[in-house]
Amino acid sequence: MARYLKEGITAEEAREQDAKVRKIVEDILAQIEARGMDAVREYAEKFDNYAPDDFRLSRAGIDACYDQVTERNIEDIKFAQAQIRNFAEIQKAALADVEEETYPGVVLGHKNVPVNAVGCYVPGGRYPMVASAHMSVVTANVAGVKRIAACAPPYEGKPSPAIVVAQDLAGADEIYCLGGVQAMGAMALGAGDIRPVDMLVGPGNAYVAEAKRQLFGRVGIDLLAGPTETLVIADETVDGELCAADLLGQAEHGPTSPAVLLTNSEALAADTMAEIERQLKILPTGETAGAAWRDYGQVIVCDDYDEMVRVADDIASEHVQVMTRDPQYFLDNLTNYGALFLGPETNVSYGDKVIGTNHTLPTKRAGRYTGGLWVGKFIKTHTYQRVTEKASVEIGKYCSRLCALEGFAGHKEQADIRLRRYAGINEG
């Protein structure tokens, strides 16, 4: 039976926090819907102390950002985007239009059609999350989205030069220095010169994730990607130093980021907890990571791999790093997660920044029913049908009787009128 050597906040405490976030977001979105850009500007001033005459960056403003980053920075951004673009293109190639004659005279098919307008959110308040520009904008571009609006909050009182450069290189059509709930509301509902989009994508804090949840239905969303989560599955083949580094590397995202160690070795559990305390003292972001570990960190000891799989599937973490003697076992058996990182040679940071898989992934156990952001999220699969007169008669007979069975007289007439016209059959 799984034993918890360390637990985070209770489920009741988490629900209370969620309720507070939900109410705040509800109020902000209501104000944006009622007052448009005036409300957006008010919240931008309140939360980010930044409210220029125009949140959209001009071409000159974008170009000025290139002067504030090094050539090495630009080359690194281009390298990362090339990896993400390459994998997105591979994924897109797996999506095919289809058309088949499924019954004599009946042709059915589907077409894959990109979403017309997408709003890509790039977090940047605590850290300038340059990589999020690659993940959303590059992938939308590969999918063929016609209009891509990109929002990121100000960093240290101004647009983050690195984020702006990444958004521009990725192919954003519109770049705004606007963050938080106000950015999500402006893109989804429209405000001032910001035209509404059809879909919102990208990760963010609890408020941004809640805004996406509340706006879903008015616009599409990729998934609920809130505060970062990480689960390290490890056995005695690795040591506490490595496990601690991988847990804290994600806990530094923010004070509400869960970091969980799942192991079948009590010795490794103890070693990891000791290492975490040591590393927190020297990690430059230790204050943030330490708060996350204190309130949301967990250490769980299981009896065997089978139990580890069951517990991991119940947790359904965003990131699952597997460092065991047999990582393939977990690839073969795990079903609920955002992304897997197999073996000690790789890690979540590779996926977050550069390797090519997308880092916008499901949180809060959403991995039970959805995967992460990928090129297919930007593509709608629409079906169509084409029928000959002879086939219409054959299908119509069945349709007429089935509509009568359900009591749908209008539906039945749709079939019957074709039976009368194409075969002279009166099904009345």
Protein backbone atom coordinates (compact mmCIF):
# COMPACT_ATOMS: atom_id res chain seq x y z
CA MET A 1 0.00 0.00 0.00
CA ALA A 2 1.27 3.49 -0.88
CA ARG A 3 2.72 5.40 2.08
CA TYR A 4 2.88 9.20 2.16
CA LEU A 5 6.08 10.45 3.77
CA LYS A 6 5.15 14.03 2.91
CA GLU A 7 1.82 15.57 1.93
CA GLY A 8 0.85 18.99 0.61
CA ILE A 9 -2.21 21.10 1.33
CA THR A 10 -5.53 19.34 1.81
CA ALA A 11 -8.15 18.93 -0.89
CA GLU A 12 -10.44 21.27 1.06
CA GLU A 13 -7.78 23.99 1.15
CA ALA A 14 -7.25 23.59 -2.60
CA ARG A 15 -10.99 23.94 -3.23
CA GLU A 16 -11.12 27.11 -1.14
CA GLN A 17 -8.26 28.61 -3.14
CA ASP A 18 -9.95 27.66 -6.40
CA ALA A 19 -13.18 29.32 -5.27
CA LYS A 20 -11.37 32.60 -4.54
CA VAL A 21 -9.67 32.54 -7.93
CA ARG A 22 -12.96 31.73 -9.66
CA LYS A 23 -14.74 34.74 -8.13
CA ILE A 24 -11.94 37.19 -8.95
CA VAL A 25 -11.78 36.03 -12.57
CA GLU A 26 -15.56 36.15 -12.91
CA ASP A 27 -15.61 39.79 -11.80
CA ILE A 28 -12.76 40.82 -14.12
CA LEU A 29 -14.30 39.19 -17.19
CA ALA A 30 -17.68 40.77 -16.44
CA GLN A 31 -16.07 44.20 -16.31
CA ILE A 32 -14.20 43.62 -19.58
CA GLU A 33 -17.37 42.49 -21.30
CA ALA A 34 -19.26 45.55 -20.01
CA ARG A 35 -16.60 48.24 -20.41
CA GLY A 36 -14.17 46.88 -23.00
CA MET A 37 -10.78 48.55 -23.29
CA ASP A 38 -11.44 50.87 -20.35
CA ALA A 39 -11.61 47.85 -18.06
CA VAL A 40 -8.63 46.17 -19.74
CA ARG A 41 -6.54 49.30 -19.20
CA GLU A 42 -7.69 49.61 -15.59
CA TYR A 43 -6.65 46.03 -14.75
CA ALA A 44 -3.38 46.33 -16.65
CA GLU A 45 -2.53 49.36 -14.54
CA LYS A 46 -3.65 47.65 -11.33
CA PHE A 47 -1.89 44.30 -11.80
CA ASP A 48 1.09 45.16 -14.01
CA ASN A 49 1.51 48.91 -13.49
CA TYR A 50 1.61 49.18 -17.27
CA ALA A 51 -1.02 50.90 -19.41
CA PRO A 52 0.36 52.47 -22.62
CA ASP A 53 -1.78 54.27 -25.18
CA ASP A 54 -1.67 51.14 -27.34
CA PHE A 55 -0.93 47.65 -26.03
CA ARG A 56 -0.09 46.45 -29.54
CA LEU A 57 3.57 46.77 -30.49
CA SER A 58 4.33 48.58 -33.71
CA ARG A 59 6.84 47.22 -36.23
CA ALA A 60 9.33 49.78 -34.93
CA GLY A 61 8.71 48.62 -31.36
CA ILE A 62 9.25 45.00 -32.36
CA ASP A 63 12.44 45.84 -34.23
CA ALA A 64 13.74 47.73 -31.20
CA CYS A 65 13.44 44.53 -29.16
CA TYR A 66 15.89 42.77 -31.49
CA ASP A 67 18.49 45.37 -30.50
CA GLN A 68 18.07 44.38 -26.84
CA VAL A 69 18.93 40.71 -27.22
CA THR A 70 22.21 39.16 -28.28
CA GLU A 71 22.91 37.33 -31.52
CA ARG A 72 23.41 34.19 -29.44
CA ASN A 73 19.94 34.67 -27.92
CA ILE A 74 18.43 34.97 -31.39
CA GLU A 75 20.25 31.89 -32.68
CA ASP A 76 19.14 29.89 -29.64
CA ILE A 77 15.53 30.96 -30.16
CA LYS A 78 15.75 29.99 -33.83
CA PHE A 79 17.20 26.58 -32.91
CA ALA A 80 14.40 25.86 -30.42
CA GLN A 81 11.75 26.98 -32.89
CA ALA A 82 13.23 24.78 -35.59
CA GLN A 83 12.87 21.73 -33.33
CA ILE A 84 9.28 22.58 -32.41
CA ARG A 85 8.36 23.39 -36.03
CA ASN A 86 9.88 20.12 -37.25
CA PHE A 87 7.92 17.98 -34.79
CA ALA A 88 4.71 19.92 -35.45
CA GLU A 89 5.15 19.30 -39.19
CA ILE A 90 5.66 15.59 -38.51
CA GLN A 91 2.45 15.58 -36.47
CA LYS A 92 0.54 17.50 -39.13
CA ALA A 93 1.60 14.94 -41.74
CA ALA A 94 -0.23 12.31 -39.69
CA LEU A 95 -3.50 14.19 -40.24
CA ALA A 96 -5.08 13.34 -43.57
CA ASP A 97 -8.27 14.32 -45.36
CA VAL A 98 -10.34 11.24 -46.21
CA GLU A 99 -13.05 10.44 -48.75
CA GLU A 100 -14.52 6.99 -49.29
CA GLU A 101 -17.57 5.40 -50.91
CA THR A 102 -19.01 3.71 -47.82
CA TYR A 103 -22.18 2.34 -49.50
CA PRO A 104 -23.05 2.21 -53.21
CA GLY A 105 -23.57 5.82 -54.22
CA VAL A 106 -22.71 7.25 -50.79
CA VAL A 107 -19.47 9.18 -50.46
CA LEU A 108 -18.39 10.33 -46.99
CA GLY A 109 -15.32 12.30 -46.06
CA HIS A 110 -13.70 14.76 -43.75
CA LYS A 111 -11.53 17.80 -44.25
CA ASN A 112 -8.99 19.16 -41.78
CA VAL A 113 -9.47 22.93 -41.58
CA PRO A 114 -7.34 25.29 -39.45
CA VAL A 115 -8.99 27.61 -36.95
CA ASN A 116 -9.18 31.12 -38.44
CA ALA A 117 -8.01 33.25 -35.50
CA VAL A 118 -6.08 32.22 -32.39
CA GLY A 119 -4.95 34.11 -29.31
CA CYS A 120 -1.64 32.79 -27.93
CA TYR A 121 -0.83 33.61 -24.32
CA VAL A 122 2.82 33.71 -23.22
CA PRO A 123 3.37 33.92 -19.43
CA GLY A 124 5.98 36.43 -18.43
CA GLY A 125 5.30 38.09 -15.10
CA ARG A 126 7.58 36.05 -12.85
CA TYR A 127 9.92 34.82 -15.59
CA PRO A 128 10.00 35.81 -19.29
CA MET A 129 8.68 32.50 -20.66
CA VAL A 130 10.22 32.79 -24.10
CA ALA A 131 9.60 29.12 -24.86
CA SER A 132 5.83 29.52 -24.64
CA ALA A 133 5.96 31.70 -27.76
CA HIS A 134 7.50 28.79 -29.66
CA MET A 135 4.99 26.28 -28.36
CA SER A 136 1.85 28.19 -29.30
CA VAL A 137 2.73 30.56 -32.14
CA VAL A 138 5.01 28.21 -34.11
CA THR A 139 2.54 25.34 -33.80
CA ALA A 140 -0.41 27.52 -34.86
CA ASN A 141 1.64 28.70 -37.81
CA VAL A 142 2.39 25.15 -38.94
CA ALA A 143 -1.31 24.32 -38.62
CA GLY A 144 -2.14 27.12 -41.04
CA VAL A 145 -3.98 29.53 -38.71
CA LYS A 146 -4.69 32.73 -40.67
CA ARG A 147 -4.51 35.23 -37.80
CA ILE A 148 -2.32 34.76 -34.73
CA ALA A 149 -2.52 37.31 -31.91
CA ALA A 150 0.10 36.93 -29.17
CA CYS A 151 -0.10 38.42 -25.68
CA ALA A 152 2.53 38.51 -22.93
CA PRO A 153 2.60 40.66 -19.79
CA PRO A 154 5.24 43.32 -19.25
CA TYR A 155 8.46 42.16 -17.63
CA GLU A 156 10.17 44.63 -15.34
CA GLY A 157 7.86 47.39 -16.53
CA LYS A 158 8.13 46.97 -20.30
CA PRO A 159 7.68 44.42 -23.08
CA SER A 160 10.11 41.56 -22.65
CA PRO A 161 12.53 41.90 -25.60
CA ALA A 162 13.22 38.16 -25.73
CA ILE A 163 9.52 37.23 -25.73
CA VAL A 164 8.73 39.80 -28.42
CA VAL A 165 11.56 38.54 -30.62
CA ALA A 166 10.37 34.95 -30.13
CA GLN A 167 6.77 35.89 -30.94
CA ASP A 168 7.89 37.70 -34.08
CA LEU A 169 10.22 34.93 -35.30
CA ALA A 170 7.46 32.40 -34.61
CA GLY A 171 5.10 34.22 -36.97
CA ALA A 172 2.67 36.19 -34.79
CA ASP A 173 0.56 38.65 -36.79
CA GLU A 174 -0.23 40.87 -33.81
CA ILE A 175 1.89 41.28 -30.67
CA TYR A 176 0.47 42.83 -27.51
CA CYS A 177 2.14 43.63 -24.21
CA LEU A 178 -0.80 42.62 -22.07
CA GLY A 179 -1.05 39.92 -19.42
CA GLY A 180 -3.27 38.02 -17.03
CA VAL A 181 -7.04 37.72 -17.10
CA GLN A 182 -7.29 41.05 -18.90
CA ALA A 183 -5.32 39.63 -21.84
CA MET A 184 -7.52 36.55 -22.05
CA GLY A 185 -10.69 38.64 -21.84
CA ALA A 186 -9.51 41.13 -24.45
CA MET A 187 -8.58 38.39 -26.94
CA ALA A 188 -11.73 36.35 -26.39
CA LEU A 189 -14.31 39.12 -26.08
CA GLY A 190 -12.63 41.88 -28.04
CA ALA A 191 -11.65 45.26 -26.59
CA GLY A 192 -10.80 48.48 -28.38
CA ASP A 193 -8.81 47.61 -31.50
CA ILE A 194 -8.23 44.03 -30.33
CA ARG A 195 -10.55 41.89 -32.44
CA PRO A 196 -11.91 38.73 -30.82
CA VAL A 197 -10.29 35.41 -31.69
CA ASP A 198 -11.86 31.99 -32.15
CA MET A 199 -9.57 30.12 -29.77
CA LEU A 200 -7.28 30.76 -26.78
CA VAL A 201 -4.14 28.72 -26.18
CA GLY A 202 -1.14 28.74 -23.90
CA PRO A 203 -0.22 28.10 -20.26
CA GLY A 204 -0.51 30.50 -17.36
CA ASN A 205 -1.06 30.87 -13.63
CA ALA A 206 -4.24 29.84 -11.81
CA TYR A 207 -6.02 33.05 -12.86
CA VAL A 208 -5.18 32.65 -16.54
CA ALA A 209 -6.25 28.99 -16.49
CA GLU A 210 -9.52 29.92 -14.77
CA ALA A 211 -10.14 32.67 -17.33
CA LYS A 212 -9.79 30.10 -20.12
CA ARG A 213 -12.20 27.82 -18.30
CA GLN A 214 -14.82 30.55 -17.94
CA LEU A 215 -14.41 31.74 -21.53
CA PHE A 216 -14.67 28.25 -23.00
CA GLY A 217 -17.80 28.06 -25.10
CA ARG A 218 -17.55 31.62 -26.30
CA VAL A 219 -14.20 30.61 -27.73
CA GLY A 220 -12.38 27.33 -28.01
CA ILE A 221 -9.42 26.54 -25.79
CA ASP A 222 -6.54 24.14 -26.10
CA LEU A 223 -6.78 22.75 -22.57
CA LEU A 224 -6.59 23.88 -18.95
CA ALA A 225 -2.87 24.47 -18.45
CA GLY A 226 -2.46 26.05 -15.03
CA PRO A 227 0.44 26.07 -12.56
CA THR A 228 3.16 23.59 -13.50
CA GLU A 229 3.05 20.08 -12.02
CA THR A 230 5.77 17.47 -11.97
CA LEU A 231 5.90 13.84 -10.90
CA VAL A 232 9.21 12.02 -10.63
CA ILE A 233 8.92 8.23 -10.72
CA ALA A 234 12.20 6.75 -9.55
CA ASP A 235 13.77 3.66 -8.05
CA GLU A 236 17.17 2.83 -6.52
CA THR A 237 18.93 3.14 -9.90
CA VAL A 238 19.13 6.93 -9.39
CA ASP A 239 20.08 9.12 -6.46
CA GLY A 240 18.47 11.84 -4.39
CA GLU A 241 20.56 14.63 -5.90
CA LEU A 242 19.13 14.01 -9.38
CA CYS A 243 15.56 13.58 -8.11
CA ALA A 244 15.78 16.77 -6.04
CA ALA A 245 17.10 18.79 -8.97
CA ASP A 246 14.26 17.60 -11.20
CA LEU A 247 11.59 18.30 -8.58
CA LEU A 248 12.86 21.79 -7.73
CA GLY A 249 13.44 22.61 -11.39
CA GLN A 250 9.67 22.62 -11.84
CA ALA A 251 8.70 23.86 -8.37
CA GLU A 252 10.49 27.13 -9.15
CA HIS A 253 7.72 27.99 -11.62
CA GLY A 254 5.62 29.31 -8.75
CA PRO A 255 4.55 28.77 -5.14
CA THR A 256 1.52 26.69 -6.18
CA SER A 257 3.38 24.21 -8.41
CA PRO A 258 3.03 20.62 -7.16
CA ALA A 259 6.19 18.48 -7.17
CA VAL A 260 5.80 14.81 -6.28
CA LEU A 261 8.28 11.97 -5.82
CA LEU A 262 6.87 8.48 -6.37
CA THR A 263 9.27 5.67 -5.54
CA ASN A 264 9.52 2.09 -4.33
CA SER A 265 12.64 2.91 -2.29
CA GLU A 266 12.36 4.46 1.17
CA ALA A 267 16.11 5.07 1.08
CA LEU A 268 15.76 7.14 -2.09
CA ALA A 269 12.80 9.00 -0.59
CA ALA A 270 14.82 9.99 2.47
CA ASP A 271 17.86 10.87 0.36
CA THR A 272 15.74 13.07 -1.94
CA MET A 273 14.07 14.96 0.90
CA ALA A 274 17.47 15.70 2.44
CA GLU A 275 18.84 16.81 -0.93
CA ILE A 276 15.89 19.13 -1.48
CA GLU A 277 16.61 20.93 1.77
CA ARG A 278 20.29 21.26 0.80
CA GLN A 279 19.61 22.48 -2.72
CA LEU A 280 16.99 24.98 -1.58
CA LYS A 281 19.70 26.81 0.35
CA ILE A 282 21.79 27.40 -2.77
CA LEU A 283 19.18 27.59 -5.55
CA PRO A 284 18.74 31.24 -6.67
CA THR A 285 15.00 30.62 -7.03
CA GLY A 286 14.88 28.71 -3.75
CA GLU A 287 12.33 31.00 -2.11
CA THR A 288 9.69 30.26 -4.75
CA ALA A 289 10.61 26.59 -5.12
CA GLY A 290 10.71 26.19 -1.35
CA ALA A 291 7.20 27.56 -0.93
CA ALA A 292 5.90 25.18 -3.61
CA TRP A 293 7.67 22.22 -2.00
CA ARG A 294 6.43 23.14 1.48
CA ASP A 295 2.77 23.49 0.50
CA TYR A 296 2.40 21.22 -2.54
CA GLY A 297 5.31 18.76 -2.39
CA GLN A 298 4.63 15.08 -1.80
CA VAL A 299 6.73 11.96 -1.29
CA ILE A 300 4.97 8.64 -1.86
CA VAL A 301 6.51 5.20 -1.35
CA CYS A 302 4.94 2.23 -3.16
CA ASP A 303 5.56 -1.49 -2.96
CA ASP A 304 6.26 -2.14 -6.64
CA TYR A 305 6.05 -0.83 -10.21
CA ASP A 306 2.43 -1.91 -10.57
CA GLU A 307 1.36 0.17 -7.60
CA MET A 308 3.45 3.08 -8.84
CA VAL A 309 1.52 2.99 -12.13
CA ARG A 310 -1.83 3.00 -10.31
CA VAL A 311 -0.85 5.94 -8.09
CA ALA A 312 0.68 7.87 -10.99
CA ASP A 313 -2.45 7.40 -13.10
CA ASP A 314 -4.56 8.70 -10.21
CA ILE A 315 -2.34 11.78 -9.85
CA ALA A 316 -2.38 12.34 -13.65
CA SER A 317 0.46 14.85 -13.46
CA GLU A 318 1.33 17.31 -16.20
CA HIS A 319 4.96 16.15 -16.39
CA VAL A 320 6.02 12.62 -15.50
CA GLN A 321 9.72 11.92 -15.37
CA VAL A 322 10.58 8.22 -15.22
CA MET A 323 14.00 7.28 -13.86
CA THR A 324 13.81 3.56 -13.22
CA ARG A 325 15.52 0.36 -14.27
CA ASP A 326 12.77 -0.21 -16.86
CA PRO A 327 11.29 3.08 -18.16
CA GLN A 328 9.58 1.20 -21.00
CA TYR A 329 7.29 -0.46 -18.45
CA PHE A 330 5.82 2.93 -17.59
CA LEU A 331 5.49 3.99 -21.24
CA ASP A 332 3.59 0.75 -21.88
CA ASN A 333 1.32 0.98 -18.83
CA LEU A 334 0.71 4.62 -17.85
CA THR A 335 -2.46 6.17 -19.30
CA ASN A 336 -2.95 9.53 -17.51
CA TYR A 337 -0.29 12.23 -17.94
CA GLY A 338 0.64 15.29 -19.96
CA ALA A 339 4.05 14.20 -21.22
CA LEU A 340 6.54 11.46 -20.34
CA PHE A 341 10.30 11.90 -19.98
CA LEU A 342 11.91 8.50 -20.09
CA GLY A 343 15.25 7.81 -18.42
CA PRO A 344 17.67 9.95 -16.41
CA GLU A 345 19.29 11.26 -19.61
CA THR A 346 16.32 13.51 -20.37
CA ASN A 347 14.28 15.82 -18.17
CA VAL A 348 11.28 18.15 -18.14
CA SER A 349 13.43 21.20 -18.85
CA TYR A 350 14.35 19.79 -22.27
CA GLY A 351 10.66 19.53 -23.09
CA ASP A 352 9.93 22.95 -21.62
CA LYS A 353 12.50 24.78 -23.69
CA VAL A 354 13.93 23.16 -26.77
CA ILE A 355 13.61 19.48 -27.66
CA GLY A 356 10.53 19.77 -29.90
CA THR A 357 7.56 18.33 -28.01
CA ASN A 358 5.05 20.92 -26.80
CA HIS A 359 5.20 22.17 -23.23
CA THR A 360 1.57 23.33 -22.98
CA LEU A 361 0.18 20.33 -21.15
CA PRO A 362 -2.89 19.34 -19.09
CA THR A 363 -2.89 20.11 -15.35
CA LYS A 364 -5.27 19.40 -12.48
CA ARG A 365 -5.73 15.79 -13.59
CA ALA A 366 -6.96 16.79 -17.04
CA GLY A 367 -4.51 14.25 -18.46
CA ARG A 368 -7.27 11.71 -17.76
CA TYR A 369 -9.17 12.98 -20.80
CA THR A 370 -6.88 15.11 -22.96
CA GLY A 371 -3.32 15.33 -24.18
CA GLY A 372 -1.29 18.49 -24.56
CA LEU A 373 -1.19 21.23 -27.17
CA TRP A 374 -0.17 20.00 -30.62
CA VAL A 375 -0.76 21.00 -34.22
CA GLY A 376 -4.03 19.05 -34.26
CA LYS A 377 -5.54 21.31 -31.59
CA PHE A 378 -5.57 24.14 -34.13
CA ILE A 379 -7.28 22.02 -36.78
CA LYS A 380 -11.00 21.25 -36.97
CA THR A 381 -12.07 18.02 -38.63
CA HIS A 382 -15.25 18.67 -40.62
CA THR A 383 -17.25 15.89 -42.23
CA TYR A 384 -19.21 16.00 -45.49
CA GLN A 385 -21.37 13.68 -47.60
CA ARG A 386 -22.30 13.31 -51.26
CA VAL A 387 -25.10 10.95 -52.42
CA THR A 388 -26.48 9.79 -55.79
CA GLU A 389 -30.25 9.71 -56.47
CA LYS A 390 -30.29 5.93 -56.30
CA ALA A 391 -28.41 5.90 -52.99
CA SER A 392 -30.68 8.63 -51.62
CA VAL A 393 -33.64 6.31 -52.20
CA GLU A 394 -31.94 3.39 -50.45
CA ILE A 395 -30.79 5.46 -47.45
CA GLY A 396 -34.06 7.39 -47.41
CA LYS A 397 -36.16 4.27 -46.79
CA TYR A 398 -34.22 3.48 -43.65
CA CYS A 399 -34.14 7.11 -42.56
CA SER A 400 -37.90 7.53 -42.97
CA ARG A 401 -38.68 4.50 -40.81
CA LEU A 402 -36.13 5.45 -38.15
CA CYS A 403 -37.52 9.00 -37.94
CA ALA A 404 -41.04 7.56 -37.51
CA LEU A 405 -39.70 5.36 -34.71
CA GLU A 406 -38.48 8.48 -32.88
CA GLY A 407 -41.52 10.61 -33.67
CA PHE A 408 -39.61 13.19 -35.72
CA ALA A 409 -42.14 14.12 -38.42
CA GLY A 410 -40.05 16.92 -39.91
CA HIS A 411 -37.00 14.70 -40.14
CA LYS A 412 -39.13 11.99 -41.76
CA GLU A 413 -40.38 14.44 -44.41
CA GLN A 414 -36.78 15.29 -45.33
CA ALA A 415 -36.37 11.64 -46.32
CA ASP A 416 -39.85 11.21 -47.77
CA ILE A 417 -39.63 14.15 -50.16
CA ARG A 418 -36.58 12.57 -51.75
CA LEU A 419 -38.26 9.19 -51.96
CA ARG A 420 -41.17 10.83 -53.84
CA ARG A 421 -38.91 12.79 -56.16
CA TYR A 422 -36.25 10.20 -56.94
CA ALA A 423 -38.26 6.98 -56.87
CA GLY A 424 -41.91 7.98 -56.91
CA ILE A 425 -42.33 6.31 -53.51
CA ASN A 426 -44.97 7.65 -51.15
CA GLU A 427 -43.88 6.81 -47.60
CA GLY A 428 -46.66 8.83 -45.95
